Amino acid sequence: MELKPSTPEAAKPSPTGYVFGAMVLVFFGLAAAFLGDLWGHPPARQNIALVEKSFLEKTPWRQTYADLVRAKEDLSDFDCYACHDKKKPPQLRFDANNILIVPVEHKDIVMGHGTHNRNNLCYNCHNESNLETLQVRDGREIKFADSTQLCGSCHGPNYRDWEAGAHGRINGYWNTSLGEAGKLDCANCHNPHAPRIPTRVPAPGPHALRTALAPSAHSETTH
């Protein structure tokens, strides 16, 4: 019986060759699909404008008496007895509607503390017996530099939140082991005579990149 010669192992087709051949075909197919713009191009991203530096500014928009003292500024505006008599408290005047008449010497003051006129009275806060101090509702005298305590004597919940850091703003470190945390005073944000903060443009919120995609020319022609 005649025996057929056997094929050498090296001459047999290798499975690896089939795999590589299939991969080459797949890559060529993908290249053709991309070149043919089968799926279109990804939408172009919009340019995101940088946040204005004013929103990152930490300097308060109002200066308090304490700020002026620390900065060694001119405090002559707080020298009440340069004009008033120490022995005679200033007389308050009211119009026919019982609204306080602001003296012409203090015409720059606009009274607007609350939605009624009961708080628009100088001696609710200023000490008529000593114009260089403030008076708290319980009768205590405090200095102008400690005006936040005066605010807290009426606005208890706000003062509690301010002490905890929820109301107002804290500069520095929440973790005081890393550095100091400085609180602003009420008068750094609120005008004591008209505490309502003027309307300001809010800072922009976080930018969601996926929702800011501009439609591409391909998507406009296919939909």
N, C-alpha and C. Protein backbone atom coordinates (compact mmCIF):
# COMPACT_ATOMS: atom_id res chain seq x y z
N MET A 1 0.86 -1.18 0.00
CA MET A 1 0.00 0.00 0.00
C MET A 1 0.90 1.23 0.00
N GLU A 2 0.59 2.15 -0.96
CA GLU A 2 1.42 3.34 -1.09
C GLU A 2 0.98 4.41 -0.09
N LEU A 3 1.89 4.97 0.67
CA LEU A 3 1.61 6.00 1.66
C LEU A 3 1.81 7.38 1.05
N LYS A 4 0.79 8.33 1.32
CA LYS A 4 0.90 9.71 0.83
C LYS A 4 1.83 10.49 1.74
N PRO A 5 2.64 11.33 1.11
CA PRO A 5 3.55 12.12 1.96
C PRO A 5 2.75 13.08 2.85
N SER A 6 3.13 13.20 4.07
CA SER A 6 2.43 14.08 5.03
C SER A 6 2.88 15.53 4.84
N THR A 7 1.94 16.50 5.10
CA THR A 7 2.25 17.93 4.96
C THR A 7 2.99 18.40 6.19
N PRO A 8 4.10 19.07 6.01
CA PRO A 8 4.83 19.58 7.19
C PRO A 8 3.96 20.53 8.00
N GLU A 9 4.18 20.54 9.31
CA GLU A 9 3.39 21.40 10.21
C GLU A 9 3.55 22.88 9.84
N ALA A 10 4.74 23.30 9.43
CA ALA A 10 4.96 24.70 9.10
C ALA A 10 4.18 25.13 7.88
N ALA A 11 3.83 24.16 6.99
CA ALA A 11 3.12 24.51 5.77
C ALA A 11 1.63 24.62 5.98
N LYS A 12 1.10 24.16 7.14
CA LYS A 12 -0.34 24.25 7.40
C LYS A 12 -0.74 25.70 7.72
N PRO A 13 -1.92 26.13 7.25
CA PRO A 13 -2.39 27.50 7.58
C PRO A 13 -2.51 27.67 9.09
N SER A 14 -1.99 28.82 9.66
CA SER A 14 -2.03 29.09 11.10
C SER A 14 -3.31 29.84 11.46
N PRO A 15 -4.00 29.46 12.58
CA PRO A 15 -5.20 30.22 13.02
C PRO A 15 -4.87 31.68 13.30
N THR A 16 -3.65 31.95 13.75
CA THR A 16 -3.26 33.34 14.02
C THR A 16 -3.29 34.17 12.75
N GLY A 17 -2.92 33.58 11.65
CA GLY A 17 -2.96 34.30 10.38
C GLY A 17 -4.37 34.70 10.01
N TYR A 18 -5.33 33.79 10.27
CA TYR A 18 -6.73 34.13 9.99
C TYR A 18 -7.20 35.31 10.87
N VAL A 19 -6.78 35.29 12.14
CA VAL A 19 -7.18 36.36 13.06
C VAL A 19 -6.63 37.71 12.61
N PHE A 20 -5.33 37.74 12.28
CA PHE A 20 -4.73 38.98 11.82
C PHE A 20 -5.37 39.45 10.52
N GLY A 21 -5.66 38.51 9.66
CA GLY A 21 -6.30 38.88 8.40
C GLY A 21 -7.67 39.50 8.63
N ALA A 22 -8.42 38.91 9.58
CA ALA A 22 -9.75 39.45 9.89
C ALA A 22 -9.63 40.84 10.50
N MET A 23 -8.63 41.03 11.37
CA MET A 23 -8.45 42.34 12.00
C MET A 23 -8.10 43.40 10.97
N VAL A 24 -7.26 43.03 10.01
CA VAL A 24 -6.89 43.99 8.95
C VAL A 24 -8.13 44.41 8.17
N LEU A 25 -8.98 43.44 7.86
CA LEU A 25 -10.21 43.76 7.12
C LEU A 25 -11.12 44.68 7.94
N VAL A 26 -11.21 44.40 9.25
CA VAL A 26 -12.05 45.24 10.12
C VAL A 26 -11.51 46.66 10.15
N PHE A 27 -10.19 46.84 10.34
CA PHE A 27 -9.60 48.17 10.38
C PHE A 27 -9.79 48.92 9.08
N PHE A 28 -9.65 48.21 7.95
CA PHE A 28 -9.89 48.85 6.66
C PHE A 28 -11.34 49.28 6.54
N GLY A 29 -12.24 48.43 7.06
CA GLY A 29 -13.66 48.79 7.00
C GLY A 29 -13.97 50.01 7.85
N LEU A 30 -13.37 50.09 9.05
CA LEU A 30 -13.58 51.26 9.91
C LEU A 30 -13.00 52.52 9.27
N ALA A 31 -11.81 52.39 8.67
CA ALA A 31 -11.20 53.54 8.01
C ALA A 31 -12.09 54.05 6.88
N ALA A 32 -12.65 53.11 6.12
CA ALA A 32 -13.53 53.52 5.03
C ALA A 32 -14.78 54.21 5.57
N ALA A 33 -15.30 53.71 6.70
CA ALA A 33 -16.50 54.32 7.30
C ALA A 33 -16.22 55.74 7.77
N PHE A 34 -15.04 55.94 8.41
CA PHE A 34 -14.70 57.28 8.88
C PHE A 34 -14.48 58.23 7.71
N LEU A 35 -13.75 57.76 6.68
CA LEU A 35 -13.50 58.61 5.52
C LEU A 35 -14.79 58.93 4.78
N GLY A 36 -15.72 58.00 4.79
CA GLY A 36 -16.99 58.23 4.13
C GLY A 36 -17.99 58.99 4.98
N ASP A 37 -17.58 59.43 6.22
CA ASP A 37 -18.45 60.20 7.10
C ASP A 37 -19.76 59.45 7.35
N LEU A 38 -19.61 58.15 7.67
CA LEU A 38 -20.80 57.32 7.86
C LEU A 38 -21.59 57.75 9.09
N TRP A 39 -20.89 58.12 10.15
CA TRP A 39 -21.57 58.51 11.40
C TRP A 39 -21.57 60.03 11.62
N GLY A 40 -20.94 60.77 10.74
CA GLY A 40 -20.87 62.21 10.93
C GLY A 40 -19.75 62.60 11.89
N HIS A 41 -19.55 63.87 12.06
CA HIS A 41 -18.50 64.38 12.94
C HIS A 41 -19.11 64.76 14.29
N PRO A 42 -18.36 64.66 15.37
CA PRO A 42 -18.89 65.09 16.68
C PRO A 42 -19.19 66.58 16.68
N PRO A 43 -20.22 66.98 17.40
CA PRO A 43 -20.58 68.41 17.43
C PRO A 43 -19.43 69.25 17.99
N ALA A 44 -19.30 70.44 17.47
CA ALA A 44 -18.26 71.35 17.94
C ALA A 44 -18.65 71.94 19.29
N ARG A 45 -17.71 72.03 20.19
CA ARG A 45 -17.98 72.59 21.50
C ARG A 45 -17.98 74.11 21.45
N GLN A 46 -18.88 74.71 22.23
CA GLN A 46 -18.91 76.15 22.32
C GLN A 46 -17.77 76.66 23.21
N ASN A 47 -17.34 77.86 22.93
CA ASN A 47 -16.35 78.48 23.80
C ASN A 47 -17.02 78.94 25.08
N ILE A 48 -16.46 78.55 26.22
CA ILE A 48 -17.03 78.90 27.52
C ILE A 48 -16.32 80.14 28.05
N ALA A 49 -17.08 81.20 28.27
CA ALA A 49 -16.48 82.45 28.75
C ALA A 49 -16.01 82.29 30.19
N LEU A 50 -14.92 82.93 30.52
CA LEU A 50 -14.40 82.89 31.88
C LEU A 50 -15.29 83.71 32.81
N VAL A 51 -15.35 83.31 34.06
CA VAL A 51 -16.13 84.03 35.05
C VAL A 51 -15.48 85.38 35.33
N GLU A 52 -16.29 86.42 35.42
CA GLU A 52 -15.75 87.75 35.70
C GLU A 52 -15.06 87.76 37.07
N LYS A 53 -13.95 88.49 37.13
CA LYS A 53 -13.16 88.52 38.36
C LYS A 53 -13.94 89.13 39.52
N SER A 54 -14.96 89.95 39.22
CA SER A 54 -15.73 90.59 40.30
C SER A 54 -16.44 89.56 41.15
N PHE A 55 -16.81 88.40 40.57
CA PHE A 55 -17.48 87.36 41.34
C PHE A 55 -16.51 86.63 42.27
N LEU A 56 -15.23 86.76 42.04
CA LEU A 56 -14.22 86.11 42.86
C LEU A 56 -13.59 87.07 43.87
N GLU A 57 -14.04 88.32 43.85
CA GLU A 57 -13.48 89.33 44.73
C GLU A 57 -13.91 89.08 46.17
N LYS A 58 -12.97 89.07 47.09
CA LYS A 58 -13.26 88.81 48.50
C LYS A 58 -13.36 90.08 49.34
N THR A 59 -13.04 91.23 48.73
CA THR A 59 -13.12 92.48 49.47
C THR A 59 -14.58 92.89 49.63
N PRO A 60 -15.05 93.17 50.83
CA PRO A 60 -16.45 93.57 51.03
C PRO A 60 -16.75 94.90 50.35
N TRP A 61 -18.00 95.09 49.95
CA TRP A 61 -18.35 96.29 49.21
C TRP A 61 -18.64 97.47 50.14
N ARG A 62 -18.65 97.24 51.47
CA ARG A 62 -18.83 98.32 52.43
C ARG A 62 -17.74 98.21 53.50
N GLN A 63 -17.32 99.35 54.01
CA GLN A 63 -16.36 99.39 55.10
C GLN A 63 -17.08 99.73 56.39
N THR A 64 -16.73 99.05 57.45
CA THR A 64 -17.31 99.33 58.76
C THR A 64 -16.38 100.27 59.52
N TYR A 65 -16.87 100.71 60.67
CA TYR A 65 -16.05 101.55 61.54
C TYR A 65 -14.79 100.79 61.95
N ALA A 66 -14.94 99.50 62.24
CA ALA A 66 -13.79 98.69 62.63
C ALA A 66 -12.76 98.62 61.49
N ASP A 67 -13.23 98.53 60.24
CA ASP A 67 -12.31 98.51 59.10
C ASP A 67 -11.54 99.82 59.02
N LEU A 68 -12.24 100.93 59.24
CA LEU A 68 -11.58 102.24 59.17
C LEU A 68 -10.54 102.39 60.27
N VAL A 69 -10.85 101.87 61.45
CA VAL A 69 -9.89 101.94 62.55
C VAL A 69 -8.63 101.14 62.22
N ARG A 70 -8.84 99.91 61.69
CA ARG A 70 -7.68 99.08 61.35
C ARG A 70 -6.84 99.70 60.24
N ALA A 71 -7.51 100.38 59.30
CA ALA A 71 -6.79 101.00 58.19
C ALA A 71 -6.27 102.39 58.53
N LYS A 72 -6.53 102.85 59.77
CA LYS A 72 -6.09 104.17 60.23
C LYS A 72 -6.60 105.27 59.31
N GLU A 73 -7.90 105.15 58.96
CA GLU A 73 -8.54 106.15 58.10
C GLU A 73 -9.02 107.33 58.93
N ASP A 74 -9.47 108.35 58.25
CA ASP A 74 -10.01 109.55 58.91
C ASP A 74 -11.36 109.20 59.54
N LEU A 75 -11.50 109.42 60.84
CA LEU A 75 -12.72 109.09 61.58
C LEU A 75 -13.49 110.33 62.00
N SER A 76 -13.22 111.45 61.36
CA SER A 76 -13.88 112.69 61.76
C SER A 76 -15.39 112.64 61.55
N ASP A 77 -15.85 111.84 60.59
CA ASP A 77 -17.30 111.73 60.36
C ASP A 77 -18.01 111.10 61.54
N PHE A 78 -17.28 110.41 62.39
CA PHE A 78 -17.88 109.75 63.55
C PHE A 78 -17.72 110.59 64.83
N ASP A 79 -17.20 111.79 64.68
CA ASP A 79 -17.06 112.68 65.84
C ASP A 79 -18.36 113.48 65.99
N CYS A 80 -19.36 112.85 66.60
CA CYS A 80 -20.69 113.45 66.70
C CYS A 80 -20.68 114.77 67.46
N TYR A 81 -19.85 114.84 68.48
CA TYR A 81 -19.85 116.03 69.32
C TYR A 81 -19.03 117.17 68.75
N ALA A 82 -18.56 117.01 67.55
CA ALA A 82 -17.97 118.15 66.87
C ALA A 82 -19.06 119.15 66.49
N CYS A 83 -20.30 118.65 66.40
CA CYS A 83 -21.44 119.51 66.07
C CYS A 83 -22.50 119.51 67.17
N HIS A 84 -22.74 118.36 67.79
CA HIS A 84 -23.80 118.24 68.79
C HIS A 84 -23.28 118.62 70.18
N ASP A 85 -24.21 119.03 71.01
CA ASP A 85 -23.91 119.40 72.38
C ASP A 85 -23.98 118.16 73.27
N LYS A 86 -22.90 117.88 73.98
CA LYS A 86 -22.88 116.69 74.84
C LYS A 86 -23.93 116.75 75.94
N LYS A 87 -24.31 117.95 76.37
CA LYS A 87 -25.24 118.09 77.48
C LYS A 87 -26.70 118.07 77.03
N LYS A 88 -26.92 118.05 75.72
CA LYS A 88 -28.30 118.11 75.22
C LYS A 88 -28.45 117.16 74.04
N PRO A 89 -29.17 116.03 74.22
CA PRO A 89 -29.38 115.10 73.10
C PRO A 89 -30.11 115.78 71.95
N PRO A 90 -29.77 115.46 70.72
CA PRO A 90 -30.44 116.07 69.57
C PRO A 90 -31.95 115.80 69.58
N GLN A 91 -32.71 116.80 69.24
CA GLN A 91 -34.17 116.69 69.18
C GLN A 91 -34.57 116.08 67.84
N LEU A 92 -35.37 115.03 67.88
CA LEU A 92 -35.85 114.41 66.64
C LEU A 92 -37.14 115.09 66.21
N ARG A 93 -37.27 115.27 64.91
CA ARG A 93 -38.47 115.92 64.36
C ARG A 93 -39.17 114.95 63.40
N PHE A 94 -40.50 115.06 63.38
CA PHE A 94 -41.32 114.19 62.54
C PHE A 94 -42.31 115.03 61.74
N ASP A 95 -42.72 114.50 60.59
CA ASP A 95 -43.70 115.23 59.78
C ASP A 95 -45.12 114.87 60.22
N ALA A 96 -46.10 115.30 59.45
CA ALA A 96 -47.50 115.08 59.81
C ALA A 96 -47.87 113.60 59.81
N ASN A 97 -47.12 112.77 59.07
CA ASN A 97 -47.38 111.33 59.02
C ASN A 97 -46.50 110.56 60.00
N ASN A 98 -45.90 111.28 60.93
CA ASN A 98 -45.04 110.68 61.95
C ASN A 98 -43.82 109.98 61.35
N ILE A 99 -43.35 110.52 60.25
CA ILE A 99 -42.14 110.01 59.61
C ILE A 99 -40.98 110.91 59.98
N LEU A 100 -39.86 110.30 60.35
CA LEU A 100 -38.69 111.05 60.79
C LEU A 100 -38.20 111.99 59.70
N ILE A 101 -37.93 113.23 60.10
CA ILE A 101 -37.34 114.21 59.19
C ILE A 101 -35.83 114.17 59.39
N VAL A 102 -35.11 113.72 58.38
CA VAL A 102 -33.66 113.64 58.48
C VAL A 102 -33.08 115.04 58.37
N PRO A 103 -32.27 115.46 59.33
CA PRO A 103 -31.67 116.81 59.26
C PRO A 103 -30.84 116.99 58.01
N VAL A 104 -30.78 118.22 57.54
CA VAL A 104 -30.05 118.51 56.32
C VAL A 104 -28.57 118.15 56.47
N GLU A 105 -28.04 118.20 57.69
CA GLU A 105 -26.64 117.83 57.92
C GLU A 105 -26.38 116.35 57.64
N HIS A 106 -27.45 115.55 57.69
CA HIS A 106 -27.34 114.11 57.43
C HIS A 106 -28.17 113.72 56.21
N LYS A 107 -28.21 114.60 55.22
CA LYS A 107 -29.04 114.36 54.05
C LYS A 107 -28.60 113.15 53.23
N ASP A 108 -27.35 112.69 53.46
CA ASP A 108 -26.87 111.52 52.73
C ASP A 108 -27.45 110.22 53.29
N ILE A 109 -28.11 110.29 54.45
CA ILE A 109 -28.69 109.10 55.08
C ILE A 109 -30.11 108.89 54.56
N VAL A 110 -30.37 107.71 54.07
CA VAL A 110 -31.71 107.33 53.62
C VAL A 110 -32.26 106.30 54.60
N MET A 111 -33.34 106.65 55.27
CA MET A 111 -33.91 105.75 56.27
C MET A 111 -34.81 104.73 55.58
N GLY A 112 -34.51 103.46 55.77
CA GLY A 112 -35.32 102.40 55.18
C GLY A 112 -35.06 101.08 55.88
N HIS A 113 -35.19 101.08 57.20
CA HIS A 113 -34.91 99.89 58.00
C HIS A 113 -36.21 99.14 58.25
N GLY A 114 -36.54 98.22 57.37
CA GLY A 114 -37.78 97.45 57.51
C GLY A 114 -38.87 98.00 56.61
N THR A 115 -40.03 97.35 56.66
CA THR A 115 -41.16 97.73 55.81
C THR A 115 -42.11 98.69 56.50
N HIS A 116 -41.78 99.12 57.70
CA HIS A 116 -42.62 100.08 58.43
C HIS A 116 -41.70 101.17 59.00
N ASN A 117 -42.27 102.15 59.60
CA ASN A 117 -41.49 103.29 60.09
C ASN A 117 -41.05 103.15 61.55
N ARG A 118 -41.40 102.07 62.19
CA ARG A 118 -41.04 101.95 63.60
C ARG A 118 -39.54 101.84 63.80
N ASN A 119 -38.82 101.28 62.82
CA ASN A 119 -37.37 101.15 62.97
C ASN A 119 -36.62 102.38 62.46
N ASN A 120 -37.33 103.28 61.78
CA ASN A 120 -36.68 104.47 61.25
C ASN A 120 -36.61 105.57 62.32
N LEU A 121 -35.99 105.22 63.41
CA LEU A 121 -35.85 106.12 64.54
C LEU A 121 -34.40 106.05 65.02
N CYS A 122 -33.74 107.18 65.08
CA CYS A 122 -32.30 107.21 65.39
C CYS A 122 -31.98 106.50 66.69
N TYR A 123 -32.82 106.76 67.73
CA TYR A 123 -32.49 106.27 69.06
C TYR A 123 -32.89 104.81 69.28
N ASN A 124 -33.31 104.13 68.23
CA ASN A 124 -33.47 102.68 68.33
C ASN A 124 -32.10 102.00 68.36
N CYS A 125 -31.11 102.68 67.81
CA CYS A 125 -29.76 102.11 67.75
C CYS A 125 -28.72 103.03 68.39
N HIS A 126 -28.83 104.31 68.13
CA HIS A 126 -27.86 105.25 68.69
C HIS A 126 -28.23 105.59 70.13
N ASN A 127 -27.22 105.78 70.93
CA ASN A 127 -27.41 106.11 72.34
C ASN A 127 -27.57 107.62 72.47
N GLU A 128 -28.76 108.06 72.81
CA GLU A 128 -29.01 109.50 72.88
C GLU A 128 -28.23 110.17 74.00
N SER A 129 -27.83 109.39 75.00
CA SER A 129 -27.04 109.96 76.10
C SER A 129 -25.56 110.03 75.77
N ASN A 130 -25.14 109.24 74.79
CA ASN A 130 -23.74 109.25 74.36
C ASN A 130 -23.72 108.87 72.87
N LEU A 131 -23.69 109.87 72.03
CA LEU A 131 -23.80 109.64 70.59
C LEU A 131 -22.63 108.88 70.01
N GLU A 132 -21.57 108.73 70.78
CA GLU A 132 -20.40 108.00 70.29
C GLU A 132 -20.49 106.51 70.57
N THR A 133 -21.64 106.05 71.07
CA THR A 133 -21.86 104.62 71.31
C THR A 133 -23.23 104.22 70.76
N LEU A 134 -23.43 102.93 70.68
CA LEU A 134 -24.72 102.37 70.28
C LEU A 134 -25.35 101.73 71.50
N GLN A 135 -26.67 101.57 71.47
CA GLN A 135 -27.34 100.94 72.61
C GLN A 135 -28.16 99.74 72.14
N VAL A 136 -27.98 98.64 72.85
CA VAL A 136 -28.68 97.40 72.55
C VAL A 136 -30.04 97.45 73.23
N ARG A 137 -30.94 96.60 72.81
CA ARG A 137 -32.31 96.62 73.33
C ARG A 137 -32.35 96.40 74.84
N ASP A 138 -31.38 95.67 75.39
CA ASP A 138 -31.38 95.44 76.84
C ASP A 138 -30.71 96.58 77.61
N GLY A 139 -30.34 97.67 76.91
CA GLY A 139 -29.78 98.84 77.57
C GLY A 139 -28.27 98.90 77.57
N ARG A 140 -27.58 97.86 77.12
CA ARG A 140 -26.12 97.88 77.12
C ARG A 140 -25.59 98.86 76.08
N GLU A 141 -24.47 99.50 76.40
CA GLU A 141 -23.78 100.38 75.46
C GLU A 141 -22.66 99.59 74.78
N ILE A 142 -22.55 99.74 73.47
CA ILE A 142 -21.48 99.08 72.74
C ILE A 142 -20.83 100.10 71.80
N LYS A 143 -19.61 99.81 71.41
CA LYS A 143 -18.88 100.70 70.52
C LYS A 143 -19.31 100.47 69.07
N PHE A 144 -19.03 101.47 68.22
CA PHE A 144 -19.36 101.33 66.80
C PHE A 144 -18.66 100.13 66.18
N ALA A 145 -17.48 99.81 66.68
CA ALA A 145 -16.72 98.68 66.13
C ALA A 145 -17.39 97.35 66.42
N ASP A 146 -18.32 97.33 67.40
CA ASP A 146 -19.01 96.09 67.77
C ASP A 146 -20.46 96.11 67.32
N SER A 147 -20.73 96.78 66.20
CA SER A 147 -22.12 96.97 65.76
C SER A 147 -22.84 95.68 65.44
N THR A 148 -22.12 94.62 65.12
CA THR A 148 -22.78 93.34 64.82
C THR A 148 -23.58 92.83 66.02
N GLN A 149 -23.10 93.10 67.21
CA GLN A 149 -23.86 92.70 68.40
C GLN A 149 -25.19 93.43 68.48
N LEU A 150 -25.20 94.69 68.03
CA LEU A 150 -26.44 95.45 68.00
C LEU A 150 -27.42 94.82 67.02
N CYS A 151 -26.95 94.45 65.85
CA CYS A 151 -27.81 93.81 64.85
C CYS A 151 -28.38 92.50 65.40
N GLY A 152 -27.53 91.75 66.09
CA GLY A 152 -27.96 90.46 66.63
C GLY A 152 -28.98 90.57 67.74
N SER A 153 -29.06 91.74 68.41
CA SER A 153 -30.02 91.89 69.50
C SER A 153 -31.46 91.90 68.98
N CYS A 154 -31.64 92.23 67.70
CA CYS A 154 -32.98 92.20 67.09
C CYS A 154 -33.14 91.04 66.11
N HIS A 155 -32.09 90.75 65.40
CA HIS A 155 -32.13 89.72 64.36
C HIS A 155 -31.46 88.45 64.89
N GLY A 156 -32.11 87.83 65.87
CA GLY A 156 -31.52 86.67 66.53
C GLY A 156 -31.20 85.50 65.63
N PRO A 157 -32.17 85.00 64.81
CA PRO A 157 -31.87 83.86 63.93
C PRO A 157 -30.73 84.15 62.95
N ASN A 158 -30.72 85.37 62.39
CA ASN A 158 -29.64 85.72 61.47
C ASN A 158 -28.30 85.76 62.19
N TYR A 159 -28.32 86.29 63.41
CA TYR A 159 -27.08 86.36 64.19
C TYR A 159 -26.58 84.96 64.54
N ARG A 160 -27.49 84.06 64.85
CA ARG A 160 -27.11 82.67 65.14
C ARG A 160 -26.48 82.03 63.91
N ASP A 161 -27.10 82.24 62.75
CA ASP A 161 -26.55 81.68 61.52
C ASP A 161 -25.21 82.33 61.17
N TRP A 162 -25.08 83.61 61.46
CA TRP A 162 -23.81 84.31 61.20
C TRP A 162 -22.71 83.73 62.07
N GLU A 163 -23.00 83.46 63.33
CA GLU A 163 -21.99 82.87 64.20
C GLU A 163 -21.56 81.50 63.71
N ALA A 164 -22.51 80.74 63.12
CA ALA A 164 -22.20 79.40 62.63
C ALA A 164 -21.56 79.42 61.25
N GLY A 165 -21.55 80.58 60.61
CA GLY A 165 -20.95 80.68 59.28
C GLY A 165 -21.92 80.47 58.14
N ALA A 166 -23.23 80.28 58.44
CA ALA A 166 -24.20 80.05 57.37
C ALA A 166 -24.71 81.36 56.77
N HIS A 167 -24.71 82.43 57.55
CA HIS A 167 -25.15 83.74 57.06
C HIS A 167 -23.92 84.63 56.92
N GLY A 168 -23.90 85.39 55.85
CA GLY A 168 -22.72 86.22 55.61
C GLY A 168 -21.64 85.42 54.91
N ARG A 169 -20.42 85.79 55.12
CA ARG A 169 -19.33 85.13 54.41
C ARG A 169 -18.12 85.01 55.32
N ILE A 170 -17.45 83.88 55.23
CA ILE A 170 -16.23 83.65 55.99
C ILE A 170 -15.07 83.57 55.00
N ASN A 171 -14.06 84.35 55.24
CA ASN A 171 -12.84 84.30 54.42
C ASN A 171 -11.77 83.53 55.17
N GLY A 172 -10.99 82.80 54.43
CA GLY A 172 -9.91 82.04 55.07
C GLY A 172 -10.18 80.56 55.02
N TYR A 173 -10.04 79.90 56.16
CA TYR A 173 -10.11 78.44 56.22
C TYR A 173 -11.26 77.99 57.11
N TRP A 174 -12.04 77.03 56.62
CA TRP A 174 -13.03 76.38 57.48
C TRP A 174 -12.31 75.56 58.55
N ASN A 175 -11.25 74.90 58.13
CA ASN A 175 -10.43 74.13 59.08
C ASN A 175 -9.40 75.09 59.68
N THR A 176 -9.69 75.58 60.88
CA THR A 176 -8.84 76.60 61.48
C THR A 176 -7.45 76.09 61.85
N SER A 177 -7.25 74.76 61.78
CA SER A 177 -5.90 74.24 62.02
C SER A 177 -4.96 74.57 60.87
N LEU A 178 -5.54 74.92 59.70
CA LEU A 178 -4.74 75.27 58.53
C LEU A 178 -4.50 76.77 58.42
N GLY A 179 -5.32 77.55 59.09
CA GLY A 179 -5.19 79.00 59.02
C GLY A 179 -6.39 79.67 59.65
N GLU A 180 -6.38 80.98 59.66
CA GLU A 180 -7.45 81.74 60.30
C GLU A 180 -8.68 81.81 59.40
N ALA A 181 -9.84 81.97 60.05
CA ALA A 181 -11.10 82.18 59.36
C ALA A 181 -11.67 83.51 59.84
N GLY A 182 -11.81 84.45 58.93
CA GLY A 182 -12.29 85.79 59.30
C GLY A 182 -13.71 86.01 58.85
N LYS A 183 -14.56 86.48 59.76
CA LYS A 183 -15.95 86.77 59.44
C LYS A 183 -16.13 88.25 59.12
N LEU A 184 -17.00 88.53 58.19
CA LEU A 184 -17.38 89.90 57.92
C LEU A 184 -18.43 90.34 58.93
N ASP A 185 -18.49 91.63 59.19
CA ASP A 185 -19.53 92.17 60.05
C ASP A 185 -20.79 92.44 59.24
N CYS A 186 -21.91 92.60 59.93
CA CYS A 186 -23.17 92.85 59.24
C CYS A 186 -23.08 94.08 58.35
N ALA A 187 -22.43 95.15 58.87
CA ALA A 187 -22.35 96.40 58.12
C ALA A 187 -21.41 96.32 56.92
N ASN A 188 -20.67 95.22 56.76
CA ASN A 188 -19.87 95.03 55.55
C ASN A 188 -20.75 94.75 54.34
N CYS A 189 -21.95 94.26 54.60
CA CYS A 189 -22.87 93.95 53.50
C CYS A 189 -24.14 94.79 53.56
N HIS A 190 -24.59 95.12 54.78
CA HIS A 190 -25.85 95.84 54.96
C HIS A 190 -25.60 97.27 55.42
N ASN A 191 -26.29 98.20 54.79
CA ASN A 191 -26.28 99.58 55.27
C ASN A 191 -27.19 99.63 56.49
N PRO A 192 -26.70 100.00 57.66
CA PRO A 192 -27.52 99.96 58.87
C PRO A 192 -28.81 100.77 58.76
N HIS A 193 -28.80 101.86 58.00
CA HIS A 193 -29.99 102.69 57.88
C HIS A 193 -30.97 102.14 56.85
N ALA A 194 -30.48 101.39 55.89
CA ALA A 194 -31.32 100.76 54.86
C ALA A 194 -30.69 99.42 54.54
N PRO A 195 -30.98 98.39 55.36
CA PRO A 195 -30.22 97.13 55.28
C PRO A 195 -30.45 96.29 54.03
N ARG A 196 -31.53 96.54 53.31
CA ARG A 196 -31.78 95.69 52.14
C ARG A 196 -30.63 95.81 51.15
N ILE A 197 -30.07 94.67 50.77
CA ILE A 197 -28.94 94.68 49.84
C ILE A 197 -29.44 94.96 48.43
N PRO A 198 -28.84 95.91 47.71
CA PRO A 198 -29.27 96.19 46.33
C PRO A 198 -29.16 94.94 45.46
N THR A 199 -30.06 94.84 44.51
CA THR A 199 -30.06 93.71 43.60
C THR A 199 -28.78 93.68 42.78
N ARG A 200 -28.18 92.51 42.73
CA ARG A 200 -26.95 92.35 41.96
C ARG A 200 -27.08 91.15 41.04
N VAL A 201 -26.34 91.17 39.95
CA VAL A 201 -26.37 90.06 39.00
C VAL A 201 -25.74 88.83 39.65
N PRO A 202 -26.45 87.69 39.67
CA PRO A 202 -25.88 86.50 40.31
C PRO A 202 -24.73 85.93 39.49
N ALA A 203 -23.84 85.26 40.17
CA ALA A 203 -22.73 84.59 39.50
C ALA A 203 -23.26 83.42 38.68
N PRO A 204 -22.63 83.11 37.56
CA PRO A 204 -23.10 81.99 36.73
C PRO A 204 -22.93 80.66 37.45
N GLY A 205 -23.82 79.73 37.16
CA GLY A 205 -23.74 78.41 37.76
C GLY A 205 -22.72 77.54 37.05
N PRO A 206 -22.54 76.31 37.52
CA PRO A 206 -21.61 75.38 36.87
C PRO A 206 -22.01 75.15 35.42
N HIS A 207 -21.03 75.06 34.54
CA HIS A 207 -21.28 74.88 33.12
C HIS A 207 -21.33 73.39 32.78
N ALA A 208 -22.47 72.93 32.34
CA ALA A 208 -22.63 71.53 31.93
C ALA A 208 -22.13 71.38 30.49
N LEU A 209 -20.98 70.78 30.32
CA LEU A 209 -20.35 70.72 28.99
C LEU A 209 -21.21 69.96 27.99
N ARG A 210 -21.88 68.92 28.43
CA ARG A 210 -22.63 68.09 27.48
C ARG A 210 -23.86 68.79 26.94
N THR A 211 -24.39 69.75 27.69
CA THR A 211 -25.58 70.45 27.22
C THR A 211 -25.22 71.70 26.43
N ALA A 212 -23.92 72.00 26.33
CA ALA A 212 -23.49 73.20 25.63
C ALA A 212 -22.91 72.88 24.27
N LEU A 213 -23.30 71.73 23.69
CA LEU A 213 -22.76 71.34 22.40
C LEU A 213 -23.50 72.04 21.28
N ALA A 214 -22.77 72.65 20.36
CA ALA A 214 -23.40 73.32 19.23
C ALA A 214 -23.71 72.29 18.15
N PRO A 215 -24.87 72.37 17.48
CA PRO A 215 -25.20 71.40 16.43
C PRO A 215 -24.26 71.53 15.25
N SER A 216 -23.84 70.39 14.73
CA SER A 216 -22.92 70.38 13.59
C SER A 216 -23.69 70.49 12.28
N ALA A 217 -22.97 70.75 11.19
CA ALA A 217 -23.59 70.85 9.88
C ALA A 217 -24.23 69.55 9.46
N HIS A 218 -23.60 68.43 9.91
CA HIS A 218 -24.14 67.11 9.54
C HIS A 218 -25.50 66.88 10.19
N SER A 219 -25.60 67.22 11.49
CA SER A 219 -26.86 66.96 12.18
C SER A 219 -27.97 67.86 11.65
N GLU A 220 -27.61 69.08 11.18
CA GLU A 220 -28.62 69.98 10.65
C GLU A 220 -29.18 69.49 9.32
N THR A 221 -28.36 68.80 8.53
CA THR A 221 -28.81 68.34 7.22
C THR A 221 -29.50 66.99 7.28
N THR A 222 -29.28 66.24 8.37
CA THR A 222 -29.87 64.90 8.43
C THR A 222 -31.12 64.85 9.26
N HIS A 223 -31.49 65.93 9.96
CA HIS A 223 -32.68 65.92 10.81
C HIS A 223 -33.69 66.93 10.28
